[in-house]
Amino acid sequence: MQKTEKNNWDTTEKTVSELIKDVQRQATRWYIAWLVTLAALVATNAYWIHQWNSYDYVSQDGEGYNYYNADIEGDVNNGPEN
């Protein structure tokens, strides 16, 4: 084997090694970005579910009275003024 061929292979091996290291770094960055995005998605969904479940829902019967469906059953009377 000639000396120039050996130099070519050495250069090629170094180039391939550098490319593999760069690809590994980029893959790590994309994986971290994906984890951050997934965590943000889970956190925002949990926040909205919590907010949605913290509301007191109001229902109205056919006579115009509103009933607050909290667990307390308070004395709120929002009926028509007749």
PDB file of N, CA and C in Angstrom:
ATOM      1  N   MET A   1       0.840  -1.158   0.000  1.00  0.00           N
ATOM      2  CA  MET A   1       0.000   0.000   0.000  1.00  0.00           C
ATOM      3  C   MET A   1       0.893   1.233   0.000  1.00  0.00           C
ATOM      4  N   GLN A   2       0.511   2.187  -0.781  1.00  0.00           N
ATOM      5  CA  GLN A   2       1.321   3.389  -0.882  1.00  0.00           C
ATOM      6  C   GLN A   2       0.994   4.358   0.248  1.00  0.00           C
ATOM      7  N   LYS A   3       1.900   5.270   0.455  1.00  0.00           N
ATOM      8  CA  LYS A   3       1.755   6.219   1.541  1.00  0.00           C
ATOM      9  C   LYS A   3       0.565   7.163   1.325  1.00  0.00           C
ATOM     10  N   THR A   4       0.291   7.563   0.100  1.00  0.00           N
ATOM     11  CA  THR A   4      -0.822   8.481  -0.165  1.00  0.00           C
ATOM     12  C   THR A   4      -2.169   7.808   0.105  1.00  0.00           C
ATOM     13  N   GLU A   5      -2.276   6.524  -0.208  1.00  0.00           N
ATOM     14  CA  GLU A   5      -3.521   5.806   0.068  1.00  0.00           C
ATOM     15  C   GLU A   5      -3.767   5.735   1.573  1.00  0.00           C
ATOM     16  N   LYS A   6      -2.711   5.487   2.340  1.00  0.00           N
ATOM     17  CA  LYS A   6      -2.843   5.422   3.796  1.00  0.00           C
ATOM     18  C   LYS A   6      -3.277   6.775   4.343  1.00  0.00           C
ATOM     19  N   ASN A   7      -2.708   7.864   3.816  1.00  0.00           N
ATOM     20  CA  ASN A   7      -3.103   9.203   4.254  1.00  0.00           C
ATOM     21  C   ASN A   7      -4.563   9.495   3.926  1.00  0.00           C
ATOM     22  N   ASN A   8      -5.002   9.040   2.758  1.00  0.00           N
ATOM     23  CA  ASN A   8      -6.399   9.228   2.372  1.00  0.00           C
ATOM     24  C   ASN A   8      -7.335   8.500   3.332  1.00  0.00           C
ATOM     25  N   TRP A   9      -6.982   7.280   3.700  1.00  0.00           N
ATOM     26  CA  TRP A   9      -7.826   6.521   4.633  1.00  0.00           C
ATOM     27  C   TRP A   9      -7.819   7.163   6.014  1.00  0.00           C
ATOM     28  N   ASP A  10      -6.686   7.648   6.453  1.00  0.00           N
ATOM     29  CA  ASP A  10      -6.622   8.316   7.753  1.00  0.00           C
ATOM     30  C   ASP A  10      -7.500   9.565   7.768  1.00  0.00           C
ATOM     31  N   THR A  11      -7.428  10.330   6.713  1.00  0.00           N
ATOM     32  CA  THR A  11      -8.245  11.535   6.606  1.00  0.00           C
ATOM     33  C   THR A  11      -9.734  11.186   6.568  1.00  0.00           C
ATOM     34  N   THR A  12     -10.067  10.152   5.834  1.00  0.00           N
ATOM     35  CA  THR A  12     -11.457   9.716   5.731  1.00  0.00           C
ATOM     36  C   THR A  12     -11.966   9.237   7.084  1.00  0.00           C
ATOM     37  N   GLU A  13     -11.157   8.489   7.807  1.00  0.00           N
ATOM     38  CA  GLU A  13     -11.569   8.012   9.127  1.00  0.00           C
ATOM     39  C   GLU A  13     -11.813   9.171  10.082  1.00  0.00           C
ATOM     40  N   LYS A  14     -10.948  10.176  10.050  1.00  0.00           N
ATOM     41  CA  LYS A  14     -11.130  11.342  10.908  1.00  0.00           C
ATOM     42  C   LYS A  14     -12.406  12.093  10.557  1.00  0.00           C
ATOM     43  N   THR A  15     -12.640  12.247   9.264  1.00  0.00           N
ATOM     44  CA  THR A  15     -13.837  12.963   8.813  1.00  0.00           C
ATOM     45  C   THR A  15     -15.104  12.227   9.244  1.00  0.00           C
ATOM     46  N   VAL A  16     -15.120  10.918   9.079  1.00  0.00           N
ATOM     47  CA  VAL A  16     -16.285  10.120   9.466  1.00  0.00           C
ATOM     48  C   VAL A  16     -16.490  10.182  10.976  1.00  0.00           C
ATOM     49  N   SER A  17     -15.424  10.119  11.739  1.00  0.00           N
ATOM     50  CA  SER A  17     -15.522  10.210  13.198  1.00  0.00           C
ATOM     51  C   SER A  17     -16.101  11.560  13.625  1.00  0.00           C
ATOM     52  N   GLU A  18     -15.649  12.630  12.980  1.00  0.00           N
ATOM     53  CA  GLU A  18     -16.180  13.955  13.306  1.00  0.00           C
ATOM     54  C   GLU A  18     -17.654  14.067  12.946  1.00  0.00           C
ATOM     55  N   LEU A  19     -18.031  13.505  11.812  1.00  0.00           N
ATOM     56  CA  LEU A  19     -19.435  13.534  11.402  1.00  0.00           C
ATOM     57  C   LEU A  19     -20.313  12.768  12.393  1.00  0.00           C
ATOM     58  N   ILE A  20     -19.844  11.625  12.834  1.00  0.00           N
ATOM     59  CA  ILE A  20     -20.613  10.822  13.790  1.00  0.00           C
ATOM     60  C   ILE A  20     -20.781  11.583  15.104  1.00  0.00           C
ATOM     61  N   LYS A  21     -19.725  12.239  15.564  1.00  0.00           N
ATOM     62  CA  LYS A  21     -19.819  13.035  16.801  1.00  0.00           C
ATOM     63  C   LYS A  21     -20.802  14.186  16.637  1.00  0.00           C
ATOM     64  N   ASP A  22     -20.777  14.858  15.489  1.00  0.00           N
ATOM     65  CA  ASP A  22     -21.711  15.955  15.243  1.00  0.00           C
ATOM     66  C   ASP A  22     -23.153  15.466  15.220  1.00  0.00           C
ATOM     67  N   VAL A  23     -23.374  14.342  14.579  1.00  0.00           N
ATOM     68  CA  VAL A  23     -24.733  13.779  14.516  1.00  0.00           C
ATOM     69  C   VAL A  23     -25.209  13.393  15.919  1.00  0.00           C
ATOM     70  N   GLN A  24     -24.332  12.839  16.730  1.00  0.00           N
ATOM     71  CA  GLN A  24     -24.709  12.485  18.101  1.00  0.00           C
ATOM     72  C   GLN A  24     -25.069  13.730  18.906  1.00  0.00           C
ATOM     73  N   ARG A  25     -24.321  14.800  18.767  1.00  0.00           N
ATOM     74  CA  ARG A  25     -24.623  16.050  19.474  1.00  0.00           C
ATOM     75  C   ARG A  25     -25.970  16.618  19.025  1.00  0.00           C
ATOM     76  N   GLN A  26     -26.190  16.593  17.730  1.00  0.00           N
ATOM     77  CA  GLN A  26     -27.459  17.119  17.218  1.00  0.00           C
ATOM     78  C   GLN A  26     -28.633  16.257  17.690  1.00  0.00           C
ATOM     79  N   ALA A  27     -28.458  14.955  17.695  1.00  0.00           N
ATOM     80  CA  ALA A  27     -29.521  14.068  18.160  1.00  0.00           C
ATOM     81  C   ALA A  27     -29.823  14.324  19.633  1.00  0.00           C
ATOM     82  N   THR A  28     -28.806  14.574  20.421  1.00  0.00           N
ATOM     83  CA  THR A  28     -29.005  14.879  21.832  1.00  0.00           C
ATOM     84  C   THR A  28     -29.773  16.185  21.993  1.00  0.00           C
ATOM     85  N   ARG A  29     -29.420  17.200  21.218  1.00  0.00           N
ATOM     86  CA  ARG A  29     -30.130  18.485  21.279  1.00  0.00           C
ATOM     87  C   ARG A  29     -31.595  18.330  20.903  1.00  0.00           C
ATOM     88  N   TRP A  30     -31.871  17.580  19.829  1.00  0.00           N
ATOM     89  CA  TRP A  30     -33.257  17.383  19.408  1.00  0.00           C
ATOM     90  C   TRP A  30     -34.038  16.591  20.451  1.00  0.00           C
ATOM     91  N   TYR A  31     -33.393  15.632  21.093  1.00  0.00           N
ATOM     92  CA  TYR A  31     -34.059  14.840  22.120  1.00  0.00           C
ATOM     93  C   TYR A  31     -34.415  15.719  23.320  1.00  0.00           C
ATOM     94  N   ILE A  32     -33.502  16.594  23.724  1.00  0.00           N
ATOM     95  CA  ILE A  32     -33.774  17.505  24.839  1.00  0.00           C
ATOM     96  C   ILE A  32     -34.904  18.469  24.461  1.00  0.00           C
ATOM     97  N   ALA A  33     -34.878  18.976  23.249  1.00  0.00           N
ATOM     98  CA  ALA A  33     -35.956  19.871  22.797  1.00  0.00           C
ATOM     99  C   ALA A  33     -37.289  19.152  22.798  1.00  0.00           C
ATOM    100  N   TRP A  34     -37.301  17.899  22.390  1.00  0.00           N
ATOM    101  CA  TRP A  34     -38.529  17.106  22.387  1.00  0.00           C
ATOM    102  C   TRP A  34     -39.025  16.900  23.815  1.00  0.00           C
ATOM    103  N   LEU A  35     -38.131  16.612  24.754  1.00  0.00           N
ATOM    104  CA  LEU A  35     -38.527  16.427  26.152  1.00  0.00           C
ATOM    105  C   LEU A  35     -39.104  17.708  26.748  1.00  0.00           C
ATOM    106  N   VAL A  36     -38.492  18.843  26.433  1.00  0.00           N
ATOM    107  CA  VAL A  36     -38.998  20.122  26.931  1.00  0.00           C
ATOM    108  C   VAL A  36     -40.395  20.391  26.365  1.00  0.00           C
ATOM    109  N   THR A  37     -40.575  20.136  25.088  1.00  0.00           N
ATOM    110  CA  THR A  37     -41.878  20.341  24.455  1.00  0.00           C
ATOM    111  C   THR A  37     -42.933  19.418  25.060  1.00  0.00           C
ATOM    112  N   LEU A  38     -42.581  18.173  25.285  1.00  0.00           N
ATOM    113  CA  LEU A  38     -43.514  17.219  25.889  1.00  0.00           C
ATOM    114  C   LEU A  38     -43.884  17.644  27.305  1.00  0.00           C
ATOM    115  N   ALA A  39     -42.909  18.097  28.078  1.00  0.00           N
ATOM    116  CA  ALA A  39     -43.180  18.551  29.443  1.00  0.00           C
ATOM    117  C   ALA A  39     -44.093  19.777  29.422  1.00  0.00           C
ATOM    118  N   ALA A  40     -43.871  20.687  28.488  1.00  0.00           N
ATOM    119  CA  ALA A  40     -44.729  21.870  28.384  1.00  0.00           C
ATOM    120  C   ALA A  40     -46.151  21.480  28.006  1.00  0.00           C
ATOM    121  N   LEU A  41     -46.302  20.533  27.129  1.00  0.00           N
ATOM    122  CA  LEU A  41     -47.628  20.067  26.729  1.00  0.00           C
ATOM    123  C   LEU A  41     -48.368  19.451  27.909  1.00  0.00           C
ATOM    124  N   VAL A  42     -47.704  18.595  28.647  1.00  0.00           N
ATOM    125  CA  VAL A  42     -48.332  17.953  29.810  1.00  0.00           C
ATOM    126  C   VAL A  42     -48.684  19.002  30.862  1.00  0.00           C
ATOM    127  N   ALA A  43     -47.789  19.943  31.117  1.00  0.00           N
ATOM    128  CA  ALA A  43     -48.038  20.960  32.133  1.00  0.00           C
ATOM    129  C   ALA A  43     -49.212  21.861  31.759  1.00  0.00           C
ATOM    130  N   THR A  44     -49.277  22.302  30.510  1.00  0.00           N
ATOM    131  CA  THR A  44     -50.379  23.179  30.121  1.00  0.00           C
ATOM    132  C   THR A  44     -51.706  22.429  30.127  1.00  0.00           C
ATOM    133  N   ASN A  45     -51.705  21.175  29.723  1.00  0.00           N
ATOM    134  CA  ASN A  45     -52.949  20.396  29.772  1.00  0.00           C
ATOM    135  C   ASN A  45     -53.401  20.187  31.209  1.00  0.00           C
ATOM    136  N   ALA A  46     -52.480  19.896  32.104  1.00  0.00           N
ATOM    137  CA  ALA A  46     -52.833  19.721  33.518  1.00  0.00           C
ATOM    138  C   ALA A  46     -53.378  21.028  34.091  1.00  0.00           C
ATOM    139  N   TYR A  47     -52.777  22.147  33.729  1.00  0.00           N
ATOM    140  CA  TYR A  47     -53.249  23.442  34.203  1.00  0.00           C
ATOM    141  C   TYR A  47     -54.681  23.711  33.745  1.00  0.00           C
ATOM    142  N   TRP A  48     -54.953  23.478  32.465  1.00  0.00           N
ATOM    143  CA  TRP A  48     -56.298  23.751  31.958  1.00  0.00           C
ATOM    144  C   TRP A  48     -57.326  22.794  32.535  1.00  0.00           C
ATOM    145  N   ILE A  49     -56.973  21.559  32.747  1.00  0.00           N
ATOM    146  CA  ILE A  49     -57.904  20.618  33.379  1.00  0.00           C
ATOM    147  C   ILE A  49     -58.210  21.070  34.803  1.00  0.00           C
ATOM    148  N   HIS A  50     -57.186  21.504  35.527  1.00  0.00           N
ATOM    149  CA  HIS A  50     -57.398  22.005  36.880  1.00  0.00           C
ATOM    150  C   HIS A  50     -58.304  23.232  36.873  1.00  0.00           C
ATOM    151  N   GLN A  51     -58.044  24.170  35.976  1.00  0.00           N
ATOM    152  CA  GLN A  51     -58.867  25.374  35.901  1.00  0.00           C
ATOM    153  C   GLN A  51     -60.307  25.043  35.521  1.00  0.00           C
ATOM    154  N   TRP A  52     -60.477  24.153  34.586  1.00  0.00           N
ATOM    155  CA  TRP A  52     -61.817  23.793  34.121  1.00  0.00           C
ATOM    156  C   TRP A  52     -62.616  23.136  35.239  1.00  0.00           C
ATOM    157  N   ASN A  53     -61.972  22.325  36.055  1.00  0.00           N
ATOM    158  CA  ASN A  53     -62.671  21.640  37.138  1.00  0.00           C
ATOM    159  C   ASN A  53     -62.890  22.525  38.358  1.00  0.00           C
ATOM    160  N   SER A  54     -62.306  23.701  38.414  1.00  0.00           N
ATOM    161  CA  SER A  54     -62.470  24.560  39.579  1.00  0.00           C
ATOM    162  C   SER A  54     -63.660  25.507  39.444  1.00  0.00           C
ATOM    163  N   TYR A  55     -64.351  25.523  38.326  1.00  0.00           N
ATOM    164  CA  TYR A  55     -65.505  26.395  38.140  1.00  0.00           C
ATOM    165  C   TYR A  55     -66.723  25.833  38.846  1.00  0.00           C
ATOM    166  N   ASP A  56     -67.612  26.739  39.300  1.00  0.00           N
ATOM    167  CA  ASP A  56     -68.930  26.348  39.792  1.00  0.00           C
ATOM    168  C   ASP A  56     -69.886  26.476  38.619  1.00  0.00           C
ATOM    169  N   TYR A  57     -70.490  25.387  38.243  1.00  0.00           N
ATOM    170  CA  TYR A  57     -71.379  25.394  37.092  1.00  0.00           C
ATOM    171  C   TYR A  57     -72.787  25.749  37.529  1.00  0.00           C
ATOM    172  N   VAL A  58     -73.518  26.473  36.699  1.00  0.00           N
ATOM    173  CA  VAL A  58     -74.860  26.950  37.014  1.00  0.00           C
ATOM    174  C   VAL A  58     -75.829  26.283  36.057  1.00  0.00           C
ATOM    175  N   SER A  59     -76.924  25.781  36.603  1.00  0.00           N
ATOM    176  CA  SER A  59     -77.989  25.257  35.746  1.00  0.00           C
ATOM    177  C   SER A  59     -79.253  26.045  36.038  1.00  0.00           C
ATOM    178  N   GLN A  60     -80.155  26.071  35.112  1.00  0.00           N
ATOM    179  CA  GLN A  60     -81.374  26.852  35.268  1.00  0.00           C
ATOM    180  C   GLN A  60     -82.559  25.947  34.995  1.00  0.00           C
ATOM    181  N   ASP A  61     -83.547  26.029  35.883  1.00  0.00           N
ATOM    182  CA  ASP A  61     -84.748  25.236  35.639  1.00  0.00           C
ATOM    183  C   ASP A  61     -85.672  26.004  34.701  1.00  0.00           C
ATOM    184  N   GLY A  62     -86.824  25.465  34.396  1.00  0.00           N
ATOM    185  CA  GLY A  62     -87.743  26.072  33.438  1.00  0.00           C
ATOM    186  C   GLY A  62     -88.423  27.326  33.931  1.00  0.00           C
ATOM    187  N   GLU A  63     -88.372  27.632  35.228  1.00  0.00           N
ATOM    188  CA  GLU A  63     -89.037  28.808  35.773  1.00  0.00           C
ATOM    189  C   GLU A  63     -88.100  30.006  35.903  1.00  0.00           C
ATOM    190  N   GLY A  64     -86.883  29.904  35.479  1.00  0.00           N
ATOM    191  CA  GLY A  64     -85.959  31.024  35.518  1.00  0.00           C
ATOM    192  C   GLY A  64     -85.102  31.086  36.763  1.00  0.00           C
ATOM    193  N   TYR A  65     -85.119  30.055  37.597  1.00  0.00           N
ATOM    194  CA  TYR A  65     -84.280  30.037  38.785  1.00  0.00           C
ATOM    195  C   TYR A  65     -82.945  29.389  38.468  1.00  0.00           C
ATOM    196  N   ASN A  66     -81.894  29.996  38.961  1.00  0.00           N
ATOM    197  CA  ASN A  66     -80.559  29.449  38.763  1.00  0.00           C
ATOM    198  C   ASN A  66     -80.154  28.641  39.986  1.00  0.00           C
ATOM    199  N   TYR A  67     -79.577  27.504  39.751  1.00  0.00           N
ATOM    200  CA  TYR A  67     -79.097  26.670  40.844  1.00  0.00           C
ATOM    201  C   TYR A  67     -77.601  26.491  40.680  1.00  0.00           C
ATOM    202  N   TYR A  68     -76.854  26.875  41.702  1.00  0.00           N
ATOM    203  CA  TYR A  68     -75.406  26.739  41.669  1.00  0.00           C
ATOM    204  C   TYR A  68     -75.050  25.335  42.118  1.00  0.00           C
ATOM    205  N   ASN A  69     -74.445  24.598  41.254  1.00  0.00           N
ATOM    206  CA  ASN A  69     -74.169  23.195  41.529  1.00  0.00           C
ATOM    207  C   ASN A  69     -72.804  23.000  42.166  1.00  0.00           C
ATOM    208  N   ALA A  70     -72.496  23.794  43.150  1.00  0.00           N
ATOM    209  CA  ALA A  70     -71.298  23.534  43.938  1.00  0.00           C
ATOM    210  C   ALA A  70     -71.692  22.492  44.991  1.00  0.00           C
ATOM    211  N   ASP A  71     -70.747  22.014  45.715  1.00  0.00           N
ATOM    212  CA  ASP A  71     -71.055  20.993  46.716  1.00  0.00           C
ATOM    213  C   ASP A  71     -71.752  21.587  47.934  1.00  0.00           C
ATOM    214  N   ILE A  72     -71.887  22.900  48.014  1.00  0.00           N
ATOM    215  CA  ILE A  72     -72.402  23.537  49.223  1.00  0.00           C
ATOM    216  C   ILE A  72     -73.915  23.719  49.173  1.00  0.00           C
ATOM    217  N   GLU A  73     -74.507  23.930  48.034  1.00  0.00           N
ATOM    218  CA  GLU A  73     -75.938  24.204  47.881  1.00  0.00           C
ATOM    219  C   GLU A  73     -76.323  25.453  48.670  1.00  0.00           C
ATOM    220  N   GLY A  74     -75.809  26.612  48.295  1.00  0.00           N
ATOM    221  CA  GLY A  74     -76.041  27.854  49.018  1.00  0.00           C
ATOM    222  C   GLY A  74     -77.449  28.411  48.820  1.00  0.00           C
ATOM    223  N   ASP A  75     -77.756  29.583  49.471  1.00  0.00           N
ATOM    224  CA  ASP A  75     -79.084  30.202  49.415  1.00  0.00           C
ATOM    225  C   ASP A  75     -79.183  31.216  48.289  1.00  0.00           C
ATOM    226  N   VAL A  76     -78.629  30.984  47.179  1.00  0.00           N
ATOM    227  CA  VAL A  76     -78.659  31.951  46.097  1.00  0.00           C
ATOM    228  C   VAL A  76     -79.967  31.795  45.337  1.00  0.00           C
ATOM    229  N   ASN A  77     -80.704  32.908  45.224  1.00  0.00           N
ATOM    230  CA  ASN A  77     -81.965  32.892  44.503  1.00  0.00           C
ATOM    231  C   ASN A  77     -81.885  33.981  43.448  1.00  0.00           C
ATOM    232  N   ASN A  78     -81.699  33.631  42.217  1.00  0.00           N
ATOM    233  CA  ASN A  78     -81.629  34.585  41.127  1.00  0.00           C
ATOM    234  C   ASN A  78     -82.856  34.508  40.253  1.00  0.00           C
ATOM    235  N   GLY A  79     -83.996  34.392  40.876  1.00  0.00           N
ATOM    236  CA  GLY A  79     -85.234  34.246  40.123  1.00  0.00           C
ATOM    237  C   GLY A  79     -85.720  35.559  39.564  1.00  0.00           C
ATOM    238  N   PRO A  80     -86.791  35.513  38.788  1.00  0.00           N
ATOM    239  CA  PRO A  80     -87.362  36.725  38.228  1.00  0.00           C
ATOM    240  C   PRO A  80     -88.027  37.569  39.327  1.00  0.00           C
ATOM    241  N   GLU A  81     -87.981  38.882  39.153  1.00  0.00           N
ATOM    242  CA  GLU A  81     -88.608  39.776  40.123  1.00  0.00           C
ATOM    243  C   GLU A  81     -90.030  40.062  39.675  1.00  0.00           C
ATOM    244  N   ASN A  82     -91.021  39.445  40.304  1.00  0.00           N
ATOM    245  CA  ASN A  82     -92.434  39.646  39.975  1.00  0.00           C
ATOM    246  C   ASN A  82     -93.180  40.258  41.118  1.00  0.00           C
TER     247      ASN A  82
END
